[in-house]
Amino acid sequence: MLGLPYIALALALASSPIEAKISCKCLPGQPCFPKQPVISAFERSLSHPLIHPRPIGSVCFPNDPTFNQAACDSVKAKWHNGTYRTNIPQAPQFTNWEALINSTSVEQCDPFSDVSNPANVCFQGRVPWGVVNVTSVADIQKTVRFASQHNLKLVVKNTGHENLGRSLGESSIMLWTHNMQDIKFSDSFVPKGAPRGTKGVSTVTIGAGVQWGRLYEVAAQQGKVVVGGIGAGGSVGAGGGWPLGGGHSILSPFYGLGVDNIVEETVVLPSGEHVTANLYTNPDLFWALRGGGGPSFGILTSVTYRTHEAVPVTASFLVANTTTEEGRLELFNEWVKVHPSLADSGWAGFWPYSGTQFFLTLMALGNPPTNPNANATLQGFYDRVSKIPGVAIDVEVTRPYTGFQQWYDENFIHSQKGIGFNYTVGDFSGVPVSVSSILIPRDTFESSTEDLAKALVALEDARPFLVGGGAVSQVDPDAMAINPAFRGMLSDLTIALTWNVTKTSPQGIVSIEKTVTEWADGVRAVTKSPGAYVNEPEILVTNFQESYWGSHYPRLRSIKQKIDPKDLLVVYQGVNSEGWDNEILCKTT
């Protein structure tokens, strides 16, 4: 059923003096939707039967056919478990993307609400009508052709770490690629179509469902490291939205962004064709796949990443508490001033802060660091901030690790061994979230130090990443589709706010979304740049084209229109989504 925004849109257009053409996807229950014999024939062609999921909270509602108290208790106990959510198709990491939300209503399935109230029902929301459990490329091809033939809304999910809900969709059919788990290493990989004599490189080729935690572990067993996403529990997907959106990492200043390390990709196009893309074969497609956002240009079936020799690392941790506003501002002034020097001396990492607390989790290659200025630069900063009145240093630790894997395991997998900020608590799942990101240029740190410090202090809570400079800055900004702003930035600042699902009104949710944008605008007023990361998208962003892709957008849109003339793989705030409503159900032309 179409939600209120689409009905309102249709009425408005009907009364408009300007004639507009509306084209919509075909939804379950409509005459255009394929009949059961057609669906059954399609289902028989797949590796597994279609899944018709209900929201995971449905088992808690006595008035729902799926009600089961034992199952309800289990679901509620695992509600905030990110790994549990990656292992089932209908559960996103962030619960607002299960729901249909507008300024007047919220259609959700909240098992923590008063489920005994007969008026309280479990809405299907944005949970798909049907799910294809993909275990072969053929499953994807058949589904793409079926969805295209019948004009269905098609979505793709591997793990569900999606900040704009693009891996779910109202009345959609989902390709769930989570079970494509192949991993293959090579010491001499040569891309398809490369000239004779091209020297092979050390790589790992993975299926679309592989997650970073598993890939890091098996790479370490090979004595290798791969540039990848950093998240508690290791559940972020390595073969889906992360590489398609660009992919930054604590390892990026040393080895480049995720897309800088992609040697080859294979994808199923909107036509159903399965193709290879690299610098020599389908180079335009390869350009677009590296940062153009997923799944706009094709559904990933494999990614081949360059691997690097695992080396020892040095990590440093700081926990600072501020007791005065003056001390907090001076701390941030010192941090902003030292930022470029820290990056140049070989440090990368995270600097989350909340309320009165400021944290650092930094890494440098080598033990001791290979950059001779690393320790002196960082220790100088520590010495200065320790003398600021109103700043108390609770933790200051610098220590060696045998390699990236030990650091990652102790701080993101088994956090009882971690130091400083607890990422397994900070990286939450099973909650609603509204986010924003700002790519802060090096120039802003250098020439607008005081203004930037004031803008940062004005935020109550933020999760910034020092992942720029170094190898990231040395790549031609136009070599691939990723936002060219990445090449000049030092830190990606993210803002994320959540709310109480049971108690917050629709108007309250909209207010929180506005607050996120207002906070981000305060920093953007200093950076003078709209540059943002498409994998950390902002619900109320005013110009997604410029924010996520800058000068690359016209080329991206041209490629998109050529390979996807039917708009099969259009997503909200994605390339060529102009004219579509937020659910990508109806388009006005």
Protein backbone atom coordinates (compact mmCIF):
# COMPACT_ATOMS: atom_id res chain seq x y z
CA MET A 1 0.00 0.00 0.00
CA LEU A 2 1.31 3.45 -0.84
CA GLY A 3 2.08 5.57 2.21
CA LEU A 4 0.61 9.02 2.85
CA PRO A 5 3.43 10.97 1.17
CA TYR A 6 2.74 9.24 -2.16
CA ILE A 7 -1.03 9.81 -1.95
CA ALA A 8 -0.37 13.47 -1.18
CA LEU A 9 2.02 13.67 -4.11
CA ALA A 10 -0.53 12.19 -6.48
CA LEU A 11 -3.28 14.59 -5.31
CA ALA A 12 -0.99 17.58 -5.61
CA LEU A 13 -0.01 16.65 -9.13
CA ALA A 14 -3.62 16.01 -10.10
CA SER A 15 -4.54 19.57 -9.13
CA SER A 16 -1.45 21.14 -10.68
CA PRO A 17 -1.89 23.25 -13.83
CA ILE A 18 1.34 21.70 -15.11
CA GLU A 19 0.78 18.28 -16.59
CA ALA A 20 3.11 15.74 -15.00
CA LYS A 21 3.64 12.09 -15.80
CA ILE A 22 3.95 9.67 -12.91
CA SER A 23 5.38 6.20 -13.34
CA CYS A 24 5.41 3.75 -10.44
CA LYS A 25 6.84 0.38 -9.54
CA CYS A 26 4.40 -2.53 -9.51
CA LEU A 27 3.48 -3.55 -5.95
CA PRO A 28 1.99 -6.70 -4.40
CA GLY A 29 -1.80 -6.66 -4.64
CA GLN A 30 -1.91 -4.54 -7.78
CA PRO A 31 -3.21 -6.01 -11.07
CA CYS A 32 0.22 -5.63 -12.68
CA PHE A 33 1.91 -7.78 -10.03
CA PRO A 34 2.88 -11.27 -11.28
CA LYS A 35 0.30 -13.98 -10.58
CA GLN A 36 1.12 -16.89 -8.28
CA PRO A 37 1.91 -19.40 -11.07
CA VAL A 38 4.48 -16.95 -12.43
CA ILE A 39 5.98 -16.40 -8.99
CA SER A 40 6.07 -20.15 -8.38
CA ALA A 41 7.88 -20.77 -11.67
CA PHE A 42 10.43 -18.09 -10.79
CA GLU A 43 10.88 -19.59 -7.31
CA ARG A 44 11.55 -23.05 -8.73
CA SER A 45 14.40 -21.64 -10.81
CA LEU A 46 16.26 -20.39 -7.73
CA SER A 47 18.73 -22.21 -5.48
CA HIS A 48 16.42 -21.74 -2.48
CA PRO A 49 12.71 -20.99 -2.02
CA LEU A 50 11.64 -17.39 -1.70
CA ILE A 51 11.50 -16.06 1.85
CA HIS A 52 8.49 -13.93 2.78
CA PRO A 53 9.65 -12.31 6.02
CA ARG A 54 7.78 -10.45 8.69
CA PRO A 55 9.62 -7.90 10.85
CA ILE A 56 11.59 -9.70 13.55
CA GLY A 57 9.44 -8.12 16.28
CA SER A 58 6.22 -9.62 14.90
CA VAL A 59 6.56 -12.72 17.10
CA CYS A 60 5.92 -10.50 20.15
CA PHE A 61 2.47 -9.33 19.07
CA PRO A 62 -0.41 -11.57 20.30
CA ASN A 63 -2.59 -10.32 17.45
CA ASP A 64 -0.01 -11.36 14.80
CA PRO A 65 -0.13 -14.81 13.15
CA THR A 66 3.59 -15.26 13.89
CA PHE A 67 3.18 -14.74 17.67
CA ASN A 68 5.44 -16.99 19.73
CA GLN A 69 6.43 -15.95 23.25
CA ALA A 70 9.60 -18.04 23.35
CA ALA A 71 10.70 -16.63 20.01
CA CYS A 72 9.82 -13.14 21.26
CA ASP A 73 12.04 -13.54 24.31
CA SER A 74 14.89 -14.64 22.06
CA VAL A 75 14.44 -11.74 19.64
CA LYS A 76 14.36 -9.17 22.44
CA ALA A 77 17.49 -10.64 24.02
CA LYS A 78 19.35 -10.32 20.69
CA TRP A 79 17.79 -7.03 19.60
CA HIS A 80 21.06 -5.03 19.88
CA ASN A 81 23.31 -7.79 18.55
CA GLY A 82 24.74 -6.62 15.23
CA THR A 83 25.88 -10.10 14.20
CA TYR A 84 22.37 -11.49 14.72
CA ARG A 85 20.99 -8.75 12.50
CA THR A 86 23.45 -9.47 9.69
CA ASN A 87 22.43 -13.13 9.65
CA ILE A 88 18.77 -12.55 8.81
CA PRO A 89 17.55 -10.68 5.74
CA GLN A 90 14.76 -8.55 7.22
CA ALA A 91 16.71 -6.88 10.02
CA PRO A 92 18.75 -3.73 9.33
CA GLN A 93 21.33 -2.53 11.82
CA PHE A 94 19.31 0.64 12.43
CA THR A 95 15.64 0.10 13.20
CA ASN A 96 14.19 3.29 11.75
CA TRP A 97 14.82 1.77 8.31
CA GLU A 98 12.39 -1.07 9.07
CA ALA A 99 9.67 1.52 9.59
CA LEU A 100 7.73 3.90 7.37
CA ILE A 101 8.16 7.32 8.92
CA ASN A 102 6.77 10.69 7.93
CA SER A 103 5.87 13.88 9.78
CA THR A 104 2.49 12.54 10.93
CA SER A 105 2.87 8.79 11.42
CA VAL A 106 5.29 5.97 12.19
CA GLU A 107 4.43 2.49 10.93
CA GLN A 108 6.79 0.19 12.81
CA CYS A 109 6.98 -3.12 14.66
CA ASP A 110 8.26 -2.35 18.15
CA PRO A 111 8.31 -5.42 20.45
CA PHE A 112 9.12 -3.21 23.44
CA SER A 113 5.87 -1.27 23.12
CA ASP A 114 2.55 -2.28 24.71
CA VAL A 115 2.03 -5.35 22.54
CA SER A 116 -1.00 -6.39 24.61
CA ASN A 117 -2.96 -3.41 23.27
CA PRO A 118 -5.15 -4.77 20.42
CA ALA A 119 -4.78 -1.43 18.62
CA ASN A 120 -0.99 -1.85 18.53
CA VAL A 121 -0.05 -3.88 15.45
CA CYS A 122 3.17 -4.96 13.81
CA PHE A 123 3.44 -3.06 10.53
CA GLN A 124 5.35 -4.60 7.63
CA GLY A 125 6.93 -1.19 7.08
CA ARG A 126 9.96 -1.36 4.79
CA VAL A 127 10.57 -5.08 5.29
CA PRO A 128 10.52 -6.67 1.80
CA TRP A 129 7.66 -8.66 0.34
CA GLY A 130 10.08 -11.35 -0.78
CA VAL A 131 13.73 -12.30 -0.30
CA VAL A 132 16.01 -14.30 -2.60
CA ASN A 133 18.67 -16.13 -0.59
CA VAL A 134 21.51 -15.75 -3.08
CA THR A 135 24.08 -18.54 -3.28
CA SER A 136 24.99 -18.25 -6.97
CA VAL A 137 25.43 -15.63 -9.65
CA ALA A 138 22.53 -17.25 -11.50
CA ASP A 139 20.21 -16.43 -8.57
CA ILE A 140 21.05 -12.76 -9.01
CA GLN A 141 20.66 -12.83 -12.79
CA LYS A 142 17.27 -14.53 -12.64
CA THR A 143 16.00 -12.12 -10.00
CA VAL A 144 17.23 -9.06 -11.87
CA ARG A 145 15.45 -10.20 -15.02
CA PHE A 146 12.28 -11.09 -13.12
CA ALA A 147 12.19 -7.71 -11.36
CA SER A 148 12.90 -5.87 -14.60
CA GLN A 149 10.25 -7.77 -16.57
CA HIS A 150 7.56 -7.08 -13.97
CA ASN A 151 8.69 -3.57 -12.95
CA LEU A 152 9.29 -4.54 -9.31
CA LYS A 153 11.19 -2.59 -6.69
CA LEU A 154 14.51 -4.39 -6.20
CA VAL A 155 16.82 -3.93 -3.21
CA VAL A 156 20.12 -5.55 -2.23
CA LYS A 157 21.38 -6.44 1.24
CA ASN A 158 24.52 -8.17 2.41
CA THR A 159 24.81 -7.11 6.09
CA GLY A 160 22.47 -4.13 6.51
CA HIS A 161 24.99 -1.53 7.72
CA GLU A 162 23.12 1.13 5.79
CA ASN A 163 22.50 4.61 7.17
CA LEU A 164 19.74 5.55 4.72
CA GLY A 165 17.83 2.28 4.59
CA ARG A 166 18.68 1.56 0.97
CA SER A 167 19.05 -2.19 1.60
CA LEU A 168 15.35 -2.49 2.52
CA GLY A 169 12.27 -1.12 0.83
CA GLU A 170 8.50 -1.05 1.05
CA SER A 171 6.88 -3.86 -0.99
CA SER A 172 10.24 -4.77 -2.51
CA ILE A 173 11.97 -7.96 -3.57
CA MET A 174 15.40 -8.33 -1.97
CA LEU A 175 18.60 -9.94 -3.19
CA TRP A 176 20.25 -11.16 0.03
CA THR A 177 23.90 -11.77 -0.84
CA HIS A 178 25.05 -12.54 2.71
CA ASN A 179 25.75 -16.21 1.97
CA MET A 180 28.22 -15.61 -0.87
CA GLN A 181 31.25 -16.38 1.29
CA ASP A 182 34.11 -17.39 -1.03
CA ILE A 183 37.63 -16.15 -0.18
CA LYS A 184 40.61 -16.80 -2.47
CA PHE A 185 44.16 -15.44 -2.14
CA SER A 186 46.63 -14.98 -4.97
CA ASP A 187 50.29 -13.99 -5.01
CA SER A 188 50.18 -12.96 -8.66
CA PHE A 189 46.71 -11.79 -9.69
CA VAL A 190 46.47 -10.30 -13.18
CA PRO A 191 43.26 -8.42 -14.07
CA LYS A 192 41.18 -9.75 -16.94
CA GLY A 193 42.15 -8.09 -20.22
CA ALA A 194 45.47 -6.76 -18.95
CA PRO A 195 48.25 -6.47 -21.56
CA ARG A 196 50.56 -9.42 -21.97
CA GLY A 197 53.41 -9.22 -19.50
CA THR A 198 51.43 -7.33 -16.82
CA LYS A 199 52.98 -8.19 -13.49
CA GLY A 200 50.66 -9.92 -11.03
CA VAL A 201 49.96 -8.50 -7.59
CA SER A 202 49.11 -9.97 -4.20
CA THR A 203 45.33 -10.03 -3.79
CA VAL A 204 42.32 -11.59 -2.14
CA THR A 205 39.06 -12.15 -4.04
CA ILE A 206 35.91 -12.36 -1.93
CA GLY A 207 32.23 -13.09 -2.41
CA ALA A 208 29.67 -10.37 -1.80
CA GLY A 209 28.67 -11.64 1.66
CA VAL A 210 32.10 -11.76 3.31
CA GLN A 211 32.45 -9.55 6.39
CA TRP A 212 35.53 -7.65 7.50
CA GLY A 213 36.00 -9.50 10.78
CA ARG A 214 36.33 -12.84 9.01
CA LEU A 215 38.44 -11.44 6.18
CA TYR A 216 40.91 -9.78 8.57
CA GLU A 217 41.32 -13.06 10.44
CA VAL A 218 42.01 -15.22 7.40
CA ALA A 219 44.27 -12.54 5.88
CA ALA A 220 46.33 -12.47 9.09
CA GLN A 221 46.76 -16.23 8.79
CA GLN A 222 48.35 -15.53 5.40
CA GLY A 223 50.60 -12.85 6.88
CA LYS A 224 48.58 -10.18 5.06
CA VAL A 225 46.42 -7.19 5.84
CA VAL A 226 43.58 -5.70 3.77
CA VAL A 227 42.35 -2.11 3.90
CA GLY A 228 38.83 -2.40 5.27
CA GLY A 229 36.06 -1.11 7.47
CA ILE A 230 36.44 -0.93 11.23
CA GLY A 231 33.38 -1.79 13.29
CA ALA A 232 32.72 -3.58 16.54
CA GLY A 233 32.15 -7.29 16.09
CA GLY A 234 33.55 -7.30 12.57
CA SER A 235 30.11 -7.52 10.97
CA VAL A 236 30.48 -4.75 8.35
CA GLY A 237 30.36 -6.23 4.85
CA ALA A 238 33.51 -6.24 2.72
CA GLY A 239 31.71 -6.96 -0.56
CA GLY A 240 28.76 -4.58 -0.68
CA GLY A 241 28.09 -0.95 0.14
CA TRP A 242 31.46 -0.32 1.81
CA PRO A 243 33.59 -0.67 -1.34
CA LEU A 244 30.88 0.70 -3.64
CA GLY A 245 30.74 3.88 -1.55
CA GLY A 246 34.50 4.29 -1.33
CA GLY A 247 35.51 2.77 1.98
CA HIS A 248 37.76 4.58 4.46
CA SER A 249 39.83 2.85 7.12
CA ILE A 250 42.38 3.46 9.83
CA LEU A 251 44.77 1.86 7.31
CA SER A 252 43.89 4.34 4.56
CA PRO A 253 46.65 6.90 5.25
CA PHE A 254 49.15 4.04 4.84
CA TYR A 255 47.68 2.15 1.87
CA GLY A 256 44.86 4.26 0.43
CA LEU A 257 41.08 4.10 0.56
CA GLY A 258 39.19 0.88 -0.02
CA VAL A 259 38.57 1.82 -3.65
CA ASP A 260 42.27 2.58 -4.15
CA ASN A 261 42.94 -1.07 -3.32
CA ILE A 262 40.34 -2.65 -5.60
CA VAL A 263 41.97 -4.44 -8.51
CA GLU A 264 38.86 -5.99 -10.06
CA GLU A 265 35.14 -6.45 -9.50
CA THR A 266 32.46 -8.66 -11.00
CA VAL A 267 28.86 -7.49 -11.09
CA VAL A 268 25.46 -8.35 -12.47
CA LEU A 269 24.22 -5.40 -14.51
CA PRO A 270 20.58 -4.26 -14.63
CA SER A 271 20.35 -6.17 -17.93
CA GLY A 272 21.17 -9.41 -16.10
CA GLU A 273 24.58 -9.71 -17.74
CA HIS A 274 27.45 -10.82 -15.49
CA VAL A 275 30.57 -8.81 -16.30
CA THR A 276 34.10 -8.11 -15.09
CA ALA A 277 35.28 -4.56 -14.47
CA ASN A 278 38.86 -3.37 -14.04
CA LEU A 279 41.25 -0.86 -15.59
CA TYR A 280 41.34 -2.85 -18.85
CA THR A 281 37.88 -4.41 -19.11
CA ASN A 282 34.80 -2.14 -18.83
CA PRO A 283 36.93 0.74 -17.48
CA ASP A 284 34.04 3.24 -17.34
CA LEU A 285 32.02 0.83 -15.23
CA PHE A 286 35.07 0.20 -13.03
CA TRP A 287 35.44 3.95 -12.55
CA ALA A 288 31.80 4.24 -11.46
CA LEU A 289 31.86 1.19 -9.17
CA ARG A 290 34.70 2.69 -7.14
CA GLY A 291 32.71 5.22 -5.13
CA GLY A 292 29.51 5.68 -7.13
CA GLY A 293 27.42 4.08 -4.38
CA GLY A 294 25.68 0.76 -4.17
CA PRO A 295 24.02 -0.91 -5.89
CA SER A 296 23.54 1.81 -8.49
CA PHE A 297 25.83 0.39 -11.18
CA GLY A 298 25.50 -3.32 -10.62
CA ILE A 299 25.13 -5.99 -7.99
CA LEU A 300 28.52 -7.07 -6.71
CA THR A 301 29.31 -10.75 -6.94
CA SER A 302 33.01 -10.49 -6.11
CA VAL A 303 35.67 -7.92 -5.22
CA THR A 304 39.41 -8.39 -5.61
CA TYR A 305 41.45 -6.34 -3.13
CA ARG A 306 45.18 -5.77 -3.09
CA THR A 307 46.77 -7.24 0.06
CA HIS A 308 49.74 -5.88 2.02
CA GLU A 309 52.35 -7.51 4.20
CA ALA A 310 51.32 -7.51 7.86
CA VAL A 311 53.78 -5.49 9.97
CA PRO A 312 53.94 -4.56 13.66
CA VAL A 313 52.08 -1.41 14.66
CA THR A 314 52.19 1.10 17.49
CA ALA A 315 48.93 2.31 18.99
CA SER A 316 48.22 5.20 21.31
CA PHE A 317 45.18 5.86 23.47
CA LEU A 318 43.99 8.95 25.31
CA VAL A 319 41.01 9.64 27.53
CA ALA A 320 40.67 13.27 28.59
CA ASN A 321 37.95 14.77 30.79
CA THR A 322 37.19 18.46 30.70
CA THR A 323 35.75 20.21 33.72
CA THR A 324 35.43 23.73 32.26
CA GLU A 325 34.24 25.12 28.93
CA GLU A 326 37.47 27.07 28.63
CA GLY A 327 39.54 23.93 29.10
CA ARG A 328 37.46 22.02 26.56
CA LEU A 329 37.91 24.74 23.93
CA GLU A 330 41.66 24.92 24.53
CA LEU A 331 41.91 21.13 24.23
CA PHE A 332 40.17 21.26 20.86
CA ASN A 333 42.34 24.16 19.74
CA GLU A 334 45.44 22.10 20.44
CA TRP A 335 43.94 19.08 18.70
CA VAL A 336 43.02 21.02 15.57
CA LYS A 337 46.48 22.65 15.45
CA VAL A 338 48.36 19.34 15.72
CA HIS A 339 46.13 17.51 13.25
CA PRO A 340 48.20 18.10 10.09
CA SER A 341 51.47 17.33 11.90
CA LEU A 342 50.05 14.11 13.32
CA ALA A 343 48.93 12.98 9.89
CA ASP A 344 52.31 13.87 8.37
CA SER A 345 54.16 11.99 11.11
CA GLY A 346 52.31 8.78 10.32
CA TRP A 347 49.38 8.61 12.73
CA ALA A 348 45.82 7.62 11.80
CA GLY A 349 42.77 6.72 13.86
CA PHE A 350 39.65 7.80 15.65
CA TRP A 351 38.84 10.74 17.92
CA PRO A 352 35.32 10.32 19.30
CA TYR A 353 34.04 12.74 21.89
CA SER A 354 30.88 13.06 23.94
CA GLY A 355 29.93 15.55 26.63
CA THR A 356 33.04 16.29 28.68
CA GLN A 357 35.06 13.33 27.37
CA PHE A 358 37.54 13.29 24.50
CA PHE A 359 39.13 10.06 23.25
CA LEU A 360 41.96 9.09 20.92
CA THR A 361 42.61 5.69 19.37
CA LEU A 362 45.58 6.14 17.04
CA MET A 363 47.83 3.82 15.05
CA ALA A 364 51.19 4.12 13.33
CA LEU A 365 53.01 1.49 11.27
CA GLY A 366 56.03 -0.12 12.87
CA ASN A 367 57.32 -0.72 16.37
CA PRO A 368 58.75 1.75 17.01
CA PRO A 369 56.90 3.80 14.39
CA THR A 370 58.66 3.88 11.03
CA ASN A 371 58.13 7.64 10.79
CA PRO A 372 60.87 9.20 12.94
CA ASN A 373 58.63 12.11 13.95
CA ALA A 374 55.69 10.03 15.14
CA ASN A 375 56.40 9.67 18.86
CA ALA A 376 57.75 13.18 19.41
CA THR A 377 54.79 14.81 17.60
CA LEU A 378 52.19 12.89 19.57
CA GLN A 379 53.95 13.20 22.92
CA GLY A 380 54.26 16.94 22.41
CA PHE A 381 50.47 17.13 22.05
CA TYR A 382 49.96 15.00 25.15
CA ASP A 383 52.32 17.21 27.17
CA ARG A 384 50.55 20.40 26.10
CA VAL A 385 47.01 19.23 26.83
CA SER A 386 48.01 17.78 30.22
CA LYS A 387 48.87 21.34 31.33
CA ILE A 388 45.56 22.90 30.30
CA PRO A 389 43.53 24.04 33.34
CA GLY A 390 40.23 22.19 33.44
CA VAL A 391 41.56 19.14 31.54
CA ALA A 392 42.22 15.87 33.37
CA ILE A 393 44.02 13.01 31.60
CA ASP A 394 42.48 9.72 32.72
CA VAL A 395 44.28 7.44 30.25
CA GLU A 396 47.46 7.98 28.25
CA VAL A 397 48.92 4.75 26.87
CA THR A 398 51.20 4.07 23.91
CA ARG A 399 51.98 0.40 23.26
CA PRO A 400 53.11 -2.00 20.54
CA TYR A 401 51.01 -4.66 18.83
CA THR A 402 52.24 -7.58 16.77
CA GLY A 403 50.17 -6.21 13.92
CA PHE A 404 46.84 -4.77 12.84
CA GLN A 405 45.05 -8.00 13.67
CA GLN A 406 46.01 -8.00 17.36
CA TRP A 407 45.02 -4.33 17.68
CA TYR A 408 41.69 -4.96 15.95
CA ASP A 409 40.91 -8.11 17.92
CA GLU A 410 41.59 -6.55 21.31
CA ASN A 411 39.77 -3.27 20.70
CA PHE A 412 36.87 -4.22 18.41
CA ILE A 413 36.21 -7.92 18.95
CA HIS A 414 37.22 -8.69 22.55
CA SER A 415 36.91 -5.24 24.04
CA GLN A 416 37.67 -6.42 27.57
CA LYS A 417 41.28 -6.26 26.37
CA GLY A 418 40.82 -2.80 24.85
CA ILE A 419 42.08 0.56 26.03
CA GLY A 420 40.17 3.83 26.24
CA PHE A 421 36.96 4.19 24.25
CA ASN A 422 34.83 1.02 24.29
CA TYR A 423 33.91 0.52 20.65
CA THR A 424 31.76 -2.55 21.25
CA VAL A 425 29.47 -0.27 23.28
CA GLY A 426 29.84 2.79 21.08
CA ASP A 427 29.11 0.94 17.81
CA PHE A 428 25.44 0.31 18.49
CA SER A 429 22.87 -1.80 16.61
CA GLY A 430 19.14 -2.30 16.98
CA VAL A 431 18.44 1.40 17.48
CA PRO A 432 17.19 4.15 15.18
CA VAL A 433 19.78 6.60 13.93
CA SER A 434 20.11 9.79 11.91
CA VAL A 435 23.61 10.59 10.68
CA SER A 436 25.69 13.12 8.81
CA SER A 437 29.29 13.36 7.67
CA ILE A 438 31.65 16.20 6.87
CA LEU A 439 34.97 15.70 5.10
CA ILE A 440 37.17 18.29 6.79
CA PRO A 441 39.89 19.55 4.44
CA ARG A 442 43.51 19.88 5.53
CA ASP A 443 43.33 23.58 4.71
CA THR A 444 40.60 24.11 7.32
CA PHE A 445 42.78 22.62 10.06
CA GLU A 446 45.66 24.85 8.99
CA SER A 447 43.98 28.18 8.22
CA SER A 448 40.76 28.19 10.29
CA THR A 449 42.05 26.60 13.48
CA GLU A 450 40.13 28.59 16.06
CA ASP A 451 36.89 28.66 14.09
CA LEU A 452 37.02 24.90 13.53
CA ALA A 453 37.74 24.26 17.22
CA LYS A 454 34.70 26.34 18.18
CA ALA A 455 32.51 24.51 15.68
CA LEU A 456 33.65 21.12 17.02
CA VAL A 457 33.09 22.14 20.65
CA ALA A 458 29.56 23.20 19.75
CA LEU A 459 28.72 19.56 19.00
CA GLU A 460 27.62 17.56 22.01
CA ASP A 461 28.72 14.27 20.47
CA ALA A 462 30.68 13.22 17.36
CA ARG A 463 32.63 10.30 15.92
CA PRO A 464 35.43 11.67 13.71
CA PHE A 465 37.99 9.58 11.84
CA LEU A 466 41.54 10.71 11.03
CA VAL A 467 41.73 8.64 7.83
CA GLY A 468 43.01 11.14 5.25
CA GLY A 469 46.34 12.46 4.13
CA GLY A 470 49.23 10.17 3.33
CA ALA A 471 48.41 7.62 0.63
CA VAL A 472 44.84 8.92 0.31
CA SER A 473 46.06 12.34 -0.82
CA GLN A 474 48.47 10.94 -3.39
CA VAL A 475 45.83 9.48 -5.75
CA ASP A 476 44.50 11.48 -8.72
CA PRO A 477 41.12 12.86 -7.55
CA ASP A 478 39.58 11.94 -10.91
CA ALA A 479 40.96 8.40 -11.09
CA MET A 480 37.67 6.97 -9.83
CA ALA A 481 34.16 8.05 -8.90
CA ILE A 482 34.66 8.58 -5.16
CA ASN A 483 34.11 12.14 -3.97
CA PRO A 484 37.23 14.13 -4.95
CA ALA A 485 36.95 15.87 -1.56
CA PHE A 486 38.47 12.73 -0.02
CA ARG A 487 41.84 13.57 -1.56
CA GLY A 488 42.17 16.85 0.31
CA MET A 489 40.59 15.92 3.62
CA LEU A 490 42.27 14.78 6.84
CA SER A 491 39.28 13.74 8.95
CA ASP A 492 35.77 12.55 8.28
CA LEU A 493 33.54 13.86 11.06
CA THR A 494 30.34 11.89 11.63
CA ILE A 495 27.35 12.89 13.69
CA ALA A 496 24.79 10.33 14.81
CA LEU A 497 21.72 10.88 16.97
CA THR A 498 19.22 8.28 18.14
CA TRP A 499 15.85 8.33 19.89
CA ASN A 500 13.46 6.23 21.94
CA VAL A 501 11.42 4.23 19.42
CA THR A 502 8.53 3.60 21.80
CA LYS A 503 8.12 7.17 23.05
CA THR A 504 9.25 9.55 20.29
CA SER A 505 6.53 11.13 18.14
CA PRO A 506 6.80 11.54 14.35
CA GLN A 507 7.40 15.24 14.89
CA GLY A 508 10.11 14.41 17.43
CA ILE A 509 11.89 12.21 14.89
CA VAL A 510 11.80 14.99 12.29
CA SER A 511 13.18 17.38 14.91
CA ILE A 512 16.13 15.05 15.57
CA GLU A 513 16.83 14.78 11.84
CA LYS A 514 16.85 18.58 11.64
CA THR A 515 19.22 18.78 14.61
CA VAL A 516 21.71 16.52 12.85
CA THR A 517 21.69 18.81 9.82
CA GLU A 518 21.96 21.94 11.97
CA TRP A 519 24.97 20.51 13.80
CA ALA A 520 26.59 19.55 10.50
CA ASP A 521 25.88 22.99 9.05
CA GLY A 522 27.83 24.54 11.93
CA VAL A 523 30.96 22.68 10.84
CA ARG A 524 30.28 23.16 7.12
CA ALA A 525 30.13 26.92 7.72
CA VAL A 526 33.82 26.70 8.65
CA THR A 527 35.00 24.15 6.08
CA LYS A 528 33.23 26.00 3.23
CA SER A 529 32.87 22.61 1.61
CA PRO A 530 29.80 20.38 1.20
CA GLY A 531 31.99 17.27 0.84
CA ALA A 532 30.47 14.21 2.55
CA TYR A 533 30.76 10.42 2.51
CA VAL A 534 27.95 8.60 0.69
CA ASN A 535 28.14 5.70 3.18
CA GLU A 536 27.35 8.15 6.00
CA PRO A 537 24.44 9.93 4.29
CA GLU A 538 22.37 12.73 5.77
CA ILE A 539 18.58 12.40 5.57
CA LEU A 540 17.98 16.12 5.04
CA VAL A 541 21.01 16.93 2.88
CA THR A 542 20.06 19.68 0.43
CA ASN A 543 22.22 18.70 -2.54
CA PHE A 544 23.24 15.05 -2.38
CA GLN A 545 24.80 15.18 -5.84
CA GLU A 546 27.40 17.77 -4.86
CA SER A 547 27.81 16.51 -1.30
CA TYR A 548 28.59 12.89 -2.18
CA TRP A 549 30.24 13.19 -5.59
CA GLY A 550 31.13 16.80 -6.37
CA SER A 551 32.38 17.30 -9.93
CA HIS A 552 32.09 13.56 -10.66
CA TYR A 553 28.30 13.50 -10.60
CA PRO A 554 27.58 14.38 -14.27
CA ARG A 555 29.81 11.53 -15.51
CA LEU A 556 28.28 9.13 -13.00
CA ARG A 557 24.76 10.00 -14.07
CA SER A 558 25.64 9.57 -17.74
CA ILE A 559 27.05 6.08 -17.10
CA LYS A 560 24.06 5.19 -14.92
CA GLN A 561 21.52 6.18 -17.56
CA LYS A 562 23.29 4.05 -20.15
CA ILE A 563 23.48 0.85 -18.11
CA ASP A 564 20.17 1.19 -16.22
CA PRO A 565 17.61 2.82 -18.55
CA LYS A 566 14.70 1.29 -16.60
CA ASP A 567 15.90 2.62 -13.21
CA LEU A 568 15.96 -0.89 -11.78
CA LEU A 569 18.80 -0.18 -9.33
CA VAL A 570 17.94 3.35 -8.25
CA VAL A 571 18.22 4.09 -4.52
CA TYR A 572 17.31 7.06 -2.35
CA GLN A 573 19.90 9.83 -2.75
CA GLY A 574 21.63 7.62 -5.30
CA VAL A 575 22.84 8.46 -8.79
CA ASN A 576 19.93 9.33 -11.12
CA SER A 577 17.35 9.25 -8.31
CA GLU A 578 16.07 12.70 -9.26
CA GLY A 579 12.29 12.69 -9.63
CA TRP A 580 11.76 9.57 -7.54
CA ASP A 581 10.01 9.69 -4.18
CA ASN A 582 11.92 8.72 -1.03
CA GLU A 583 10.83 5.09 -1.25
CA ILE A 584 11.73 4.85 -4.96
CA LEU A 585 8.21 3.71 -5.74
CA CYS A 586 6.98 6.50 -8.01
CA LYS A 587 8.75 8.90 -10.33
CA THR A 588 7.52 12.22 -11.63
CA THR A 589 8.79 13.18 -15.07
